[in-house]
Amino acid sequence: MATGKPGTAEHTGVTDIRNFGTARRGRLRRSTATGQALVEFVLVFPIFFVIILAIIEFGFTMNAWVSVDFATRDAALAAAEAGSADSGDCSILRAIDAGMTTPAKNHAVTEVRVFKADTNGKPLGPVNVYDRNGTTSCPLADGTASTVAYRLVSESYDESSRCNELQGCNVQTTVDTIGVQITYAYTWATPLHLLMPTVGPGYLMVKSNAMRMEPVL
């Protein structure tokens, strides 16, 4: 027995095929919209992922660059204050390690050059070169023994030859300008480099600073 409001499908017992068509079209539209959204997501996600990696990598790179810059500045200041003291280079190397702030890594400093410079910071020739393949022992200011994770590779700028006397020393009439150069081996912090196979596992950052030695009478 038919029930429902007179004139409706429930009352007459006859299904209106127009309702089927409308429902089917609605399902098709929803299915098409879902498929389109999925395709757009697949196309956009890789680009979005690369951008996120690039932002993270840029942050790590800038931190390393700033850390190296500050470390060379602090090391040059330590060199200027140390003058011709026997432990001058140890003070410089300790200042470098102290200046390398996390996430920058001390062991990534592959070479340190302590050099005599002109007033513009350009190397004049005499230089001490250190690498990370050994250690150097030297006393602290109070006489306590100390060891730094650097090895002297070559020496032509001995601490005792550095001039910090106000009236000049021997062949020069003024104090030395001393510089410190750091070579830092930066390694990629994210997998971004896998998308650029030619760039390798990292690259070298080279930064230097120079300061006029603190003069003594």
N, C-alpha and C. Protein backbone atom coordinates (compact mmCIF):
# COMPACT_ATOMS: atom_id res chain seq x y z
N MET A 1 0.85 -1.19 0.00
CA MET A 1 0.00 0.00 0.00
C MET A 1 0.88 1.23 0.00
N ALA A 2 0.57 2.17 -0.89
CA ALA A 2 1.38 3.39 -0.99
C ALA A 2 1.11 4.28 0.19
N THR A 3 2.12 4.91 0.67
CA THR A 3 2.01 5.85 1.79
C THR A 3 2.67 7.15 1.38
N GLY A 4 2.57 8.11 2.27
CA GLY A 4 3.24 9.37 2.00
C GLY A 4 2.26 10.40 1.47
N LYS A 5 2.82 11.57 1.20
CA LYS A 5 2.03 12.69 0.72
C LYS A 5 1.54 12.42 -0.69
N PRO A 6 0.31 12.70 -0.98
CA PRO A 6 -0.21 12.47 -2.34
C PRO A 6 0.64 13.20 -3.38
N GLY A 7 0.94 12.52 -4.44
CA GLY A 7 1.72 13.11 -5.54
C GLY A 7 3.19 12.85 -5.44
N THR A 8 3.65 12.24 -4.34
CA THR A 8 5.08 11.95 -4.17
C THR A 8 5.35 10.52 -4.55
N ALA A 9 6.67 10.20 -4.67
CA ALA A 9 7.05 8.84 -5.03
C ALA A 9 6.64 7.87 -3.95
N GLU A 10 6.69 8.31 -2.68
CA GLU A 10 6.31 7.43 -1.60
C GLU A 10 4.82 7.06 -1.68
N HIS A 11 4.02 8.02 -2.13
CA HIS A 11 2.58 7.79 -2.18
C HIS A 11 2.20 6.93 -3.37
N THR A 12 2.80 7.22 -4.54
CA THR A 12 2.41 6.52 -5.75
C THR A 12 3.14 5.20 -5.92
N GLY A 13 4.30 5.05 -5.20
CA GLY A 13 5.08 3.83 -5.35
C GLY A 13 5.97 3.86 -6.57
N VAL A 14 6.09 5.00 -7.24
CA VAL A 14 6.92 5.14 -8.44
C VAL A 14 8.11 6.04 -8.12
N THR A 15 9.29 5.57 -8.46
CA THR A 15 10.49 6.35 -8.20
C THR A 15 10.73 7.35 -9.31
N ASP A 16 11.00 8.60 -8.94
CA ASP A 16 11.28 9.65 -9.93
C ASP A 16 12.74 9.54 -10.37
N ILE A 17 12.97 9.15 -11.63
CA ILE A 17 14.33 8.94 -12.11
C ILE A 17 15.11 10.24 -12.14
N ARG A 18 14.45 11.38 -12.11
CA ARG A 18 15.16 12.66 -12.10
C ARG A 18 15.99 12.80 -10.82
N ASN A 19 15.51 12.24 -9.71
CA ASN A 19 16.27 12.31 -8.47
C ASN A 19 17.58 11.53 -8.58
N PHE A 20 17.52 10.39 -9.28
CA PHE A 20 18.73 9.61 -9.49
C PHE A 20 19.75 10.40 -10.29
N GLY A 21 19.30 11.08 -11.31
CA GLY A 21 20.21 11.87 -12.14
C GLY A 21 20.86 12.99 -11.36
N THR A 22 20.08 13.67 -10.54
CA THR A 22 20.63 14.77 -9.74
C THR A 22 21.65 14.27 -8.73
N ALA A 23 21.34 13.16 -8.05
CA ALA A 23 22.26 12.60 -7.06
C ALA A 23 23.54 12.12 -7.73
N ARG A 24 23.38 11.50 -8.92
CA ARG A 24 24.58 10.99 -9.61
C ARG A 24 25.50 12.14 -10.02
N ARG A 25 24.88 13.22 -10.53
CA ARG A 25 25.69 14.37 -10.93
C ARG A 25 26.41 14.98 -9.72
N GLY A 26 25.74 14.98 -8.56
CA GLY A 26 26.36 15.51 -7.34
C GLY A 26 27.56 14.69 -6.93
N ARG A 27 27.41 13.35 -7.01
CA ARG A 27 28.53 12.48 -6.67
C ARG A 27 29.69 12.65 -7.63
N LEU A 28 29.38 12.82 -8.91
CA LEU A 28 30.43 13.02 -9.91
C LEU A 28 31.20 14.31 -9.66
N ARG A 29 30.44 15.37 -9.32
CA ARG A 29 31.10 16.65 -9.04
C ARG A 29 32.03 16.53 -7.83
N ARG A 30 31.55 15.85 -6.76
CA ARG A 30 32.39 15.68 -5.57
C ARG A 30 33.62 14.84 -5.90
N SER A 31 33.43 13.80 -6.68
CA SER A 31 34.56 12.94 -7.06
C SER A 31 35.57 13.70 -7.90
N THR A 32 35.07 14.53 -8.84
CA THR A 32 35.96 15.33 -9.69
C THR A 32 36.74 16.35 -8.87
N ALA A 33 36.06 17.01 -7.90
CA ALA A 33 36.73 18.01 -7.05
C ALA A 33 37.80 17.36 -6.20
N THR A 34 37.50 16.16 -5.66
CA THR A 34 38.49 15.45 -4.85
C THR A 34 39.69 15.06 -5.68
N GLY A 35 39.45 14.55 -6.87
CA GLY A 35 40.55 14.17 -7.75
C GLY A 35 41.40 15.37 -8.15
N GLN A 36 40.74 16.49 -8.43
CA GLN A 36 41.47 17.70 -8.82
C GLN A 36 42.34 18.20 -7.66
N ALA A 37 41.80 18.17 -6.43
CA ALA A 37 42.56 18.60 -5.26
C ALA A 37 43.77 17.70 -5.04
N LEU A 38 43.59 16.40 -5.26
CA LEU A 38 44.69 15.46 -5.09
C LEU A 38 45.80 15.71 -6.11
N VAL A 39 45.41 15.96 -7.35
CA VAL A 39 46.39 16.25 -8.40
C VAL A 39 47.15 17.55 -8.07
N GLU A 40 46.42 18.57 -7.63
CA GLU A 40 47.06 19.84 -7.29
C GLU A 40 48.04 19.66 -6.13
N PHE A 41 47.64 18.84 -5.15
CA PHE A 41 48.53 18.59 -4.00
C PHE A 41 49.81 17.89 -4.45
N VAL A 42 49.66 16.88 -5.32
CA VAL A 42 50.84 16.15 -5.82
C VAL A 42 51.77 17.08 -6.58
N LEU A 43 51.22 18.02 -7.32
CA LEU A 43 52.04 18.94 -8.11
C LEU A 43 52.71 20.01 -7.23
N VAL A 44 52.02 20.49 -6.20
CA VAL A 44 52.50 21.60 -5.39
C VAL A 44 53.42 21.14 -4.25
N PHE A 45 53.15 19.97 -3.68
CA PHE A 45 53.90 19.53 -2.51
C PHE A 45 55.41 19.48 -2.72
N PRO A 46 55.92 18.92 -3.83
CA PRO A 46 57.38 18.91 -4.01
C PRO A 46 57.99 20.31 -4.00
N ILE A 47 57.30 21.26 -4.61
CA ILE A 47 57.80 22.63 -4.63
C ILE A 47 57.80 23.20 -3.21
N PHE A 48 56.71 22.98 -2.50
CA PHE A 48 56.61 23.45 -1.12
C PHE A 48 57.69 22.81 -0.25
N PHE A 49 57.95 21.51 -0.44
CA PHE A 49 58.96 20.79 0.35
C PHE A 49 60.35 21.35 0.07
N VAL A 50 60.66 21.62 -1.19
CA VAL A 50 61.97 22.19 -1.54
C VAL A 50 62.14 23.57 -0.92
N ILE A 51 61.09 24.37 -0.93
CA ILE A 51 61.16 25.71 -0.33
C ILE A 51 61.45 25.61 1.17
N ILE A 52 60.77 24.68 1.85
CA ILE A 52 61.01 24.50 3.28
C ILE A 52 62.45 24.08 3.54
N LEU A 53 62.97 23.13 2.75
CA LEU A 53 64.37 22.71 2.90
C LEU A 53 65.32 23.87 2.66
N ALA A 54 65.02 24.68 1.65
CA ALA A 54 65.88 25.82 1.33
C ALA A 54 65.92 26.83 2.48
N ILE A 55 64.78 27.07 3.10
CA ILE A 55 64.73 28.00 4.24
C ILE A 55 65.55 27.47 5.41
N ILE A 56 65.40 26.17 5.70
CA ILE A 56 66.16 25.56 6.80
C ILE A 56 67.66 25.61 6.49
N GLU A 57 68.03 25.25 5.27
CA GLU A 57 69.44 25.24 4.87
C GLU A 57 70.03 26.64 4.94
N PHE A 58 69.26 27.63 4.51
CA PHE A 58 69.72 29.02 4.56
C PHE A 58 70.01 29.43 6.00
N GLY A 59 69.15 29.00 6.94
CA GLY A 59 69.36 29.33 8.34
C GLY A 59 70.65 28.74 8.88
N PHE A 60 70.91 27.47 8.56
CA PHE A 60 72.15 26.84 9.00
C PHE A 60 73.38 27.50 8.36
N THR A 61 73.26 27.82 7.08
CA THR A 61 74.37 28.46 6.38
C THR A 61 74.69 29.82 6.98
N MET A 62 73.67 30.61 7.23
CA MET A 62 73.89 31.94 7.81
C MET A 62 74.49 31.84 9.20
N ASN A 63 74.03 30.85 9.99
CA ASN A 63 74.60 30.67 11.32
C ASN A 63 76.09 30.35 11.24
N ALA A 64 76.45 29.45 10.31
CA ALA A 64 77.86 29.10 10.16
C ALA A 64 78.68 30.30 9.71
N TRP A 65 78.16 31.05 8.75
CA TRP A 65 78.88 32.21 8.23
C TRP A 65 79.09 33.27 9.31
N VAL A 66 78.03 33.54 10.08
CA VAL A 66 78.13 34.53 11.16
C VAL A 66 79.08 34.05 12.24
N SER A 67 79.02 32.76 12.57
CA SER A 67 79.91 32.20 13.59
C SER A 67 81.37 32.32 13.17
N VAL A 68 81.66 32.00 11.91
CA VAL A 68 83.03 32.13 11.40
C VAL A 68 83.48 33.59 11.43
N ASP A 69 82.59 34.48 11.04
CA ASP A 69 82.93 35.90 11.04
C ASP A 69 83.25 36.39 12.44
N PHE A 70 82.39 36.04 13.42
CA PHE A 70 82.63 36.45 14.80
C PHE A 70 83.90 35.80 15.35
N ALA A 71 84.13 34.54 14.98
CA ALA A 71 85.32 33.85 15.48
C ALA A 71 86.60 34.51 14.97
N THR A 72 86.62 34.93 13.70
CA THR A 72 87.81 35.61 13.18
C THR A 72 88.01 36.96 13.87
N ARG A 73 86.90 37.64 14.14
CA ARG A 73 87.01 38.93 14.82
C ARG A 73 87.55 38.76 16.24
N ASP A 74 86.99 37.78 16.99
CA ASP A 74 87.46 37.54 18.35
C ASP A 74 88.92 37.07 18.36
N ALA A 75 89.28 36.24 17.36
CA ALA A 75 90.65 35.75 17.27
C ALA A 75 91.62 36.87 16.95
N ALA A 76 91.24 37.78 16.05
CA ALA A 76 92.08 38.91 15.72
C ALA A 76 92.26 39.83 16.93
N LEU A 77 91.20 39.99 17.72
CA LEU A 77 91.30 40.79 18.94
C LEU A 77 92.24 40.12 19.93
N ALA A 78 92.13 38.79 20.07
CA ALA A 78 93.04 38.05 20.96
C ALA A 78 94.48 38.20 20.49
N ALA A 79 94.69 38.17 19.17
CA ALA A 79 96.04 38.32 18.61
C ALA A 79 96.59 39.71 18.89
N ALA A 80 95.74 40.72 18.76
CA ALA A 80 96.17 42.09 18.99
C ALA A 80 96.56 42.30 20.45
N GLU A 81 95.83 41.65 21.36
CA GLU A 81 96.11 41.79 22.79
C GLU A 81 97.30 40.94 23.22
N ALA A 82 97.51 39.80 22.56
CA ALA A 82 98.60 38.90 22.95
C ALA A 82 99.96 39.47 22.60
N GLY A 83 100.03 40.26 21.54
CA GLY A 83 101.30 40.86 21.15
C GLY A 83 102.34 39.81 20.80
N SER A 84 103.52 39.94 21.40
CA SER A 84 104.63 39.02 21.09
C SER A 84 104.79 37.94 22.15
N ALA A 85 103.75 37.70 22.94
CA ALA A 85 103.81 36.65 23.97
C ALA A 85 103.96 35.28 23.34
N ASP A 86 104.66 34.39 24.02
CA ASP A 86 104.92 33.05 23.48
C ASP A 86 103.64 32.25 23.22
N SER A 87 102.62 32.53 24.01
CA SER A 87 101.37 31.78 23.88
C SER A 87 100.35 32.52 23.01
N GLY A 88 100.83 33.44 22.19
CA GLY A 88 99.92 34.25 21.38
C GLY A 88 99.02 33.43 20.47
N ASP A 89 99.61 32.48 19.76
CA ASP A 89 98.80 31.68 18.84
C ASP A 89 97.81 30.80 19.57
N CYS A 90 98.18 30.31 20.75
CA CYS A 90 97.23 29.51 21.53
C CYS A 90 96.02 30.35 21.94
N SER A 91 96.26 31.59 22.30
CA SER A 91 95.15 32.48 22.64
C SER A 91 94.23 32.67 21.44
N ILE A 92 94.85 32.78 20.26
CA ILE A 92 94.07 32.94 19.03
C ILE A 92 93.21 31.71 18.77
N LEU A 93 93.82 30.54 18.87
CA LEU A 93 93.11 29.30 18.58
C LEU A 93 91.99 29.02 19.59
N ARG A 94 92.25 29.35 20.85
CA ARG A 94 91.19 29.19 21.86
C ARG A 94 90.03 30.14 21.59
N ALA A 95 90.36 31.36 21.15
CA ALA A 95 89.30 32.33 20.84
C ALA A 95 88.44 31.84 19.67
N ILE A 96 89.07 31.17 18.72
CA ILE A 96 88.31 30.63 17.58
C ILE A 96 87.33 29.58 18.05
N ASP A 97 87.79 28.62 18.84
CA ASP A 97 86.90 27.57 19.32
C ASP A 97 85.78 28.12 20.17
N ALA A 98 86.09 29.13 20.97
CA ALA A 98 85.06 29.73 21.83
C ALA A 98 84.04 30.51 20.99
N GLY A 99 84.47 31.03 19.86
CA GLY A 99 83.58 31.84 19.03
C GLY A 99 82.68 31.04 18.11
N MET A 100 82.95 29.75 17.95
CA MET A 100 82.13 28.92 17.07
C MET A 100 80.92 28.41 17.84
N THR A 101 79.82 29.10 17.71
CA THR A 101 78.63 28.79 18.49
C THR A 101 77.77 27.74 17.77
N THR A 102 77.09 26.91 18.55
CA THR A 102 76.20 25.88 18.03
C THR A 102 75.07 26.54 17.22
N PRO A 103 74.68 25.95 16.06
CA PRO A 103 75.04 24.62 15.55
C PRO A 103 76.32 24.56 14.71
N ALA A 104 77.08 25.66 14.62
CA ALA A 104 78.39 25.58 13.96
C ALA A 104 79.29 24.65 14.77
N LYS A 105 80.23 23.99 14.09
CA LYS A 105 81.04 22.95 14.74
C LYS A 105 82.52 23.34 14.72
N ASN A 106 83.17 23.22 15.88
CA ASN A 106 84.60 23.53 15.97
C ASN A 106 85.43 22.65 15.04
N HIS A 107 85.08 21.34 14.97
CA HIS A 107 85.89 20.43 14.18
C HIS A 107 85.78 20.70 12.68
N ALA A 108 84.82 21.53 12.28
CA ALA A 108 84.69 21.88 10.86
C ALA A 108 85.68 22.97 10.45
N VAL A 109 86.38 23.57 11.43
CA VAL A 109 87.44 24.53 11.11
C VAL A 109 88.65 23.72 10.65
N THR A 110 88.92 23.73 9.36
CA THR A 110 89.98 22.87 8.82
C THR A 110 91.34 23.54 8.79
N GLU A 111 91.37 24.87 8.76
CA GLU A 111 92.65 25.57 8.70
C GLU A 111 92.53 26.95 9.33
N VAL A 112 93.59 27.34 10.02
CA VAL A 112 93.69 28.69 10.59
C VAL A 112 95.02 29.28 10.16
N ARG A 113 94.99 30.50 9.65
CA ARG A 113 96.21 31.20 9.25
C ARG A 113 96.33 32.48 10.07
N VAL A 114 97.45 32.62 10.75
CA VAL A 114 97.76 33.83 11.52
C VAL A 114 98.84 34.56 10.73
N PHE A 115 98.53 35.75 10.25
CA PHE A 115 99.43 36.40 9.31
C PHE A 115 99.66 37.88 9.64
N LYS A 116 100.80 38.36 9.18
CA LYS A 116 101.09 39.78 9.26
C LYS A 116 100.40 40.47 8.10
N ALA A 117 99.75 41.58 8.38
CA ALA A 117 98.95 42.25 7.36
C ALA A 117 99.32 43.72 7.25
N ASP A 118 98.88 44.34 6.14
CA ASP A 118 99.02 45.79 6.04
C ASP A 118 97.81 46.43 6.72
N THR A 119 97.71 47.73 6.66
CA THR A 119 96.64 48.43 7.38
C THR A 119 95.26 48.13 6.81
N ASN A 120 95.22 47.57 5.60
CA ASN A 120 93.95 47.21 4.98
C ASN A 120 93.59 45.74 5.22
N GLY A 121 94.44 45.02 5.96
CA GLY A 121 94.17 43.63 6.25
C GLY A 121 94.68 42.66 5.21
N LYS A 122 95.44 43.15 4.24
CA LYS A 122 95.98 42.27 3.19
C LYS A 122 97.26 41.59 3.69
N PRO A 123 97.37 40.26 3.52
CA PRO A 123 98.58 39.55 3.99
C PRO A 123 99.86 40.09 3.35
N LEU A 124 100.91 40.19 4.17
CA LEU A 124 102.20 40.69 3.70
C LEU A 124 103.20 39.57 3.44
N GLY A 125 102.92 38.38 3.89
CA GLY A 125 103.84 37.26 3.65
C GLY A 125 104.04 36.38 4.86
N PRO A 126 104.56 36.89 5.97
CA PRO A 126 104.76 36.05 7.16
C PRO A 126 103.43 35.47 7.66
N VAL A 127 103.41 34.15 7.88
CA VAL A 127 102.16 33.50 8.27
C VAL A 127 102.47 32.20 9.01
N ASN A 128 101.64 31.90 10.00
CA ASN A 128 101.63 30.60 10.67
C ASN A 128 100.35 29.87 10.25
N VAL A 129 100.50 28.61 9.86
CA VAL A 129 99.36 27.84 9.37
C VAL A 129 99.11 26.66 10.31
N TYR A 130 97.86 26.50 10.72
CA TYR A 130 97.45 25.39 11.59
C TYR A 130 96.33 24.60 10.91
N ASP A 131 96.32 23.28 11.16
CA ASP A 131 95.20 22.47 10.71
C ASP A 131 94.66 21.66 11.88
N ARG A 132 93.67 20.78 11.61
CA ARG A 132 93.00 20.02 12.67
C ARG A 132 93.53 18.59 12.81
N ASN A 133 94.73 18.34 12.34
CA ASN A 133 95.25 16.99 12.34
C ASN A 133 96.22 16.72 13.48
N GLY A 134 96.05 17.40 14.58
CA GLY A 134 96.94 17.18 15.72
C GLY A 134 96.57 18.12 16.85
N THR A 135 97.50 18.32 17.78
CA THR A 135 97.28 19.20 18.92
C THR A 135 98.50 20.08 19.16
N THR A 136 98.27 21.16 19.88
CA THR A 136 99.35 22.05 20.29
C THR A 136 99.18 22.36 21.77
N SER A 137 100.24 22.21 22.53
CA SER A 137 100.19 22.50 23.97
C SER A 137 100.81 23.85 24.24
N CYS A 138 100.19 24.58 25.13
CA CYS A 138 100.71 25.90 25.49
C CYS A 138 100.11 26.32 26.83
N PRO A 139 100.81 27.12 27.59
CA PRO A 139 100.31 27.54 28.91
C PRO A 139 99.29 28.66 28.79
N LEU A 140 98.38 28.69 29.75
CA LEU A 140 97.46 29.83 29.87
C LEU A 140 98.22 30.98 30.53
N ALA A 141 97.54 32.11 30.67
CA ALA A 141 98.17 33.29 31.25
C ALA A 141 98.65 33.05 32.68
N ASP A 142 97.94 32.17 33.41
CA ASP A 142 98.32 31.90 34.79
C ASP A 142 99.33 30.76 34.91
N GLY A 143 99.81 30.26 33.76
CA GLY A 143 100.79 29.19 33.77
C GLY A 143 100.21 27.79 33.68
N THR A 144 98.88 27.68 33.76
CA THR A 144 98.24 26.37 33.66
C THR A 144 98.41 25.80 32.25
N ALA A 145 98.69 24.51 32.17
CA ALA A 145 98.87 23.87 30.87
C ALA A 145 97.55 23.78 30.12
N SER A 146 97.61 23.96 28.83
CA SER A 146 96.42 23.90 28.00
C SER A 146 96.77 23.26 26.66
N THR A 147 95.80 22.59 26.06
CA THR A 147 95.99 21.96 24.76
C THR A 147 94.86 22.37 23.83
N VAL A 148 95.22 22.74 22.60
CA VAL A 148 94.22 23.08 21.59
C VAL A 148 94.31 22.05 20.46
N ALA A 149 93.17 21.82 19.81
CA ALA A 149 93.09 20.76 18.79
C ALA A 149 93.55 21.25 17.42
N TYR A 150 94.73 21.85 17.38
CA TYR A 150 95.31 22.33 16.13
C TYR A 150 96.78 21.94 16.08
N ARG A 151 97.27 21.72 14.87
CA ARG A 151 98.67 21.38 14.66
C ARG A 151 99.33 22.44 13.80
N LEU A 152 100.52 22.87 14.21
CA LEU A 152 101.27 23.84 13.43
C LEU A 152 101.84 23.15 12.19
N VAL A 153 101.43 23.63 11.02
CA VAL A 153 101.86 23.04 9.75
C VAL A 153 103.08 23.76 9.20
N SER A 154 103.05 25.08 9.23
CA SER A 154 104.19 25.87 8.76
C SER A 154 104.26 27.16 9.57
N GLU A 155 105.48 27.68 9.74
CA GLU A 155 105.67 28.84 10.60
C GLU A 155 106.68 29.81 9.97
N SER A 156 106.22 31.01 9.72
CA SER A 156 107.12 32.07 9.28
C SER A 156 106.76 33.40 9.96
N TYR A 157 105.84 33.30 10.96
CA TYR A 157 105.45 34.50 11.69
C TYR A 157 105.46 34.18 13.19
N ASP A 158 106.64 33.89 13.68
CA ASP A 158 106.83 33.51 15.08
C ASP A 158 106.32 34.61 16.00
N GLU A 159 105.76 34.21 17.15
CA GLU A 159 105.24 35.20 18.09
C GLU A 159 106.28 36.24 18.49
N SER A 160 107.52 35.78 18.71
CA SER A 160 108.56 36.70 19.17
C SER A 160 108.94 37.75 18.12
N SER A 161 108.57 37.51 16.86
CA SER A 161 108.91 38.47 15.79
C SER A 161 107.83 39.52 15.59
N ARG A 162 106.75 39.43 16.31
CA ARG A 162 105.64 40.36 16.14
C ARG A 162 105.91 41.64 16.92
N CYS A 163 105.64 42.73 16.28
CA CYS A 163 105.96 44.03 16.88
C CYS A 163 104.73 44.67 17.49
N ASN A 164 104.78 44.92 18.79
CA ASN A 164 103.71 45.65 19.46
C ASN A 164 104.27 46.81 20.27
N GLU A 165 105.47 47.28 19.90
CA GLU A 165 106.09 48.41 20.58
C GLU A 165 105.70 49.70 19.87
N LEU A 166 105.33 50.68 20.66
CA LEU A 166 104.79 51.91 20.11
C LEU A 166 105.76 52.60 19.16
N GLN A 167 107.04 52.55 19.46
CA GLN A 167 108.04 53.22 18.63
C GLN A 167 108.49 52.36 17.46
N GLY A 168 107.93 51.15 17.35
CA GLY A 168 108.32 50.28 16.24
C GLY A 168 109.42 49.32 16.65
N CYS A 169 109.72 48.36 15.75
CA CYS A 169 110.70 47.33 16.05
C CYS A 169 111.62 47.13 14.85
N ASN A 170 112.90 47.22 15.08
CA ASN A 170 113.90 46.92 14.06
C ASN A 170 113.63 47.65 12.74
N VAL A 171 113.09 46.94 11.75
CA VAL A 171 112.96 47.50 10.41
C VAL A 171 111.67 48.27 10.19
N GLN A 172 110.83 48.39 11.18
CA GLN A 172 109.57 49.11 10.99
C GLN A 172 109.40 50.13 12.11
N THR A 173 108.57 51.11 11.82
CA THR A 173 108.40 52.24 12.75
C THR A 173 107.04 52.25 13.44
N THR A 174 106.30 51.18 13.29
CA THR A 174 104.98 51.12 13.93
C THR A 174 104.69 49.68 14.34
N VAL A 175 103.59 49.49 15.04
CA VAL A 175 103.22 48.15 15.49
C VAL A 175 102.65 47.34 14.33
N ASP A 176 102.62 46.03 14.50
CA ASP A 176 102.07 45.14 13.47
C ASP A 176 100.54 45.25 13.39
N THR A 177 100.03 45.00 12.21
CA THR A 177 98.62 44.66 12.04
C THR A 177 98.59 43.16 11.83
N ILE A 178 97.85 42.47 12.68
CA ILE A 178 97.84 41.00 12.63
C ILE A 178 96.47 40.51 12.18
N GLY A 179 96.47 39.51 11.32
CA GLY A 179 95.22 38.99 10.79
C GLY A 179 95.05 37.51 11.10
N VAL A 180 93.80 37.08 11.11
CA VAL A 180 93.46 35.66 11.32
C VAL A 180 92.46 35.26 10.25
N GLN A 181 92.78 34.17 9.55
CA GLN A 181 91.89 33.65 8.52
C GLN A 181 91.45 32.24 8.90
N ILE A 182 90.16 31.99 8.79
CA ILE A 182 89.58 30.69 9.11
C ILE A 182 89.01 30.07 7.84
N THR A 183 89.31 28.79 7.62
CA THR A 183 88.66 28.01 6.57
C THR A 183 87.73 27.01 7.26
N TYR A 184 86.46 27.09 6.93
CA TYR A 184 85.43 26.28 7.58
C TYR A 184 84.77 25.38 6.53
N ALA A 185 84.77 24.08 6.78
CA ALA A 185 84.17 23.10 5.86
C ALA A 185 82.70 22.92 6.21
N TYR A 186 81.84 23.62 5.50
CA TYR A 186 80.40 23.52 5.77
C TYR A 186 79.83 22.30 5.06
N THR A 187 79.08 21.48 5.79
CA THR A 187 78.38 20.34 5.20
C THR A 187 76.88 20.62 5.24
N TRP A 188 76.19 20.16 4.21
CA TRP A 188 74.75 20.42 4.11
C TRP A 188 74.01 19.85 5.32
N ALA A 189 73.10 20.65 5.85
CA ALA A 189 72.33 20.23 7.02
C ALA A 189 71.03 19.52 6.63
N THR A 190 70.62 19.65 5.38
CA THR A 190 69.39 19.04 4.89
C THR A 190 69.70 18.22 3.62
N PRO A 191 68.74 17.43 3.15
CA PRO A 191 68.97 16.66 1.91
C PRO A 191 68.83 17.49 0.64
N LEU A 192 68.77 18.81 0.76
CA LEU A 192 68.57 19.66 -0.40
C LEU A 192 69.61 19.42 -1.48
N HIS A 193 70.85 19.13 -1.07
CA HIS A 193 71.93 18.95 -2.05
C HIS A 193 71.71 17.72 -2.93
N LEU A 194 70.85 16.80 -2.49
CA LEU A 194 70.57 15.62 -3.31
C LEU A 194 69.85 15.99 -4.60
N LEU A 195 69.20 17.16 -4.58
CA LEU A 195 68.52 17.64 -5.79
C LEU A 195 69.49 18.35 -6.72
N MET A 196 70.72 18.60 -6.21
CA MET A 196 71.74 19.27 -7.01
C MET A 196 73.02 18.46 -6.93
N PRO A 197 73.10 17.36 -7.63
CA PRO A 197 74.22 16.42 -7.47
C PRO A 197 75.60 17.03 -7.72
N THR A 198 75.67 18.09 -8.48
CA THR A 198 76.98 18.66 -8.82
C THR A 198 77.60 19.48 -7.70
N VAL A 199 76.83 19.81 -6.65
CA VAL A 199 77.37 20.69 -5.61
C VAL A 199 78.21 19.94 -4.58
N GLY A 200 78.11 18.61 -4.52
CA GLY A 200 78.91 17.86 -3.56
C GLY A 200 78.33 17.90 -2.16
N PRO A 201 79.04 17.33 -1.18
CA PRO A 201 78.53 17.22 0.19
C PRO A 201 78.61 18.52 0.99
N GLY A 202 79.28 19.52 0.48
CA GLY A 202 79.42 20.79 1.18
C GLY A 202 80.35 21.73 0.44
N TYR A 203 80.80 22.78 1.13
CA TYR A 203 81.69 23.75 0.51
C TYR A 203 82.48 24.46 1.59
N LEU A 204 83.49 25.18 1.18
CA LEU A 204 84.38 25.87 2.12
C LEU A 204 83.97 27.32 2.29
N MET A 205 83.97 27.76 3.56
CA MET A 205 83.80 29.17 3.88
C MET A 205 85.15 29.70 4.35
N VAL A 206 85.59 30.79 3.77
CA VAL A 206 86.87 31.39 4.15
C VAL A 206 86.60 32.84 4.56
N LYS A 207 87.02 33.16 5.78
CA LYS A 207 86.78 34.50 6.33
C LYS A 207 87.99 34.95 7.12
N SER A 208 88.31 36.23 7.04
CA SER A 208 89.46 36.75 7.79
C SER A 208 89.14 38.12 8.37
N ASN A 209 89.87 38.44 9.43
CA ASN A 209 89.80 39.75 10.07
C ASN A 209 91.21 40.14 10.50
N ALA A 210 91.47 41.41 10.55
CA ALA A 210 92.79 41.89 10.96
C ALA A 210 92.63 43.09 11.90
N MET A 211 93.54 43.21 12.87
CA MET A 211 93.52 44.32 13.81
C MET A 211 94.95 44.80 14.09
N ARG A 212 95.04 46.05 14.41
CA ARG A 212 96.33 46.63 14.81
C ARG A 212 96.65 46.16 16.22
N MET A 213 97.87 45.73 16.44
CA MET A 213 98.26 45.24 17.77
C MET A 213 98.18 46.34 18.82
N GLU A 214 97.78 45.94 20.02
CA GLU A 214 97.77 46.89 21.12
C GLU A 214 99.19 47.28 21.45
N PRO A 215 99.52 48.57 21.33
CA PRO A 215 100.92 48.97 21.54
C PRO A 215 101.32 49.02 23.01
N VAL A 216 102.56 48.71 23.28
CA VAL A 216 103.14 48.88 24.60
C VAL A 216 104.29 49.86 24.50
N LEU A 217 104.61 50.53 25.60
CA LEU A 217 105.69 51.52 25.58
C LEU A 217 107.04 50.82 25.51
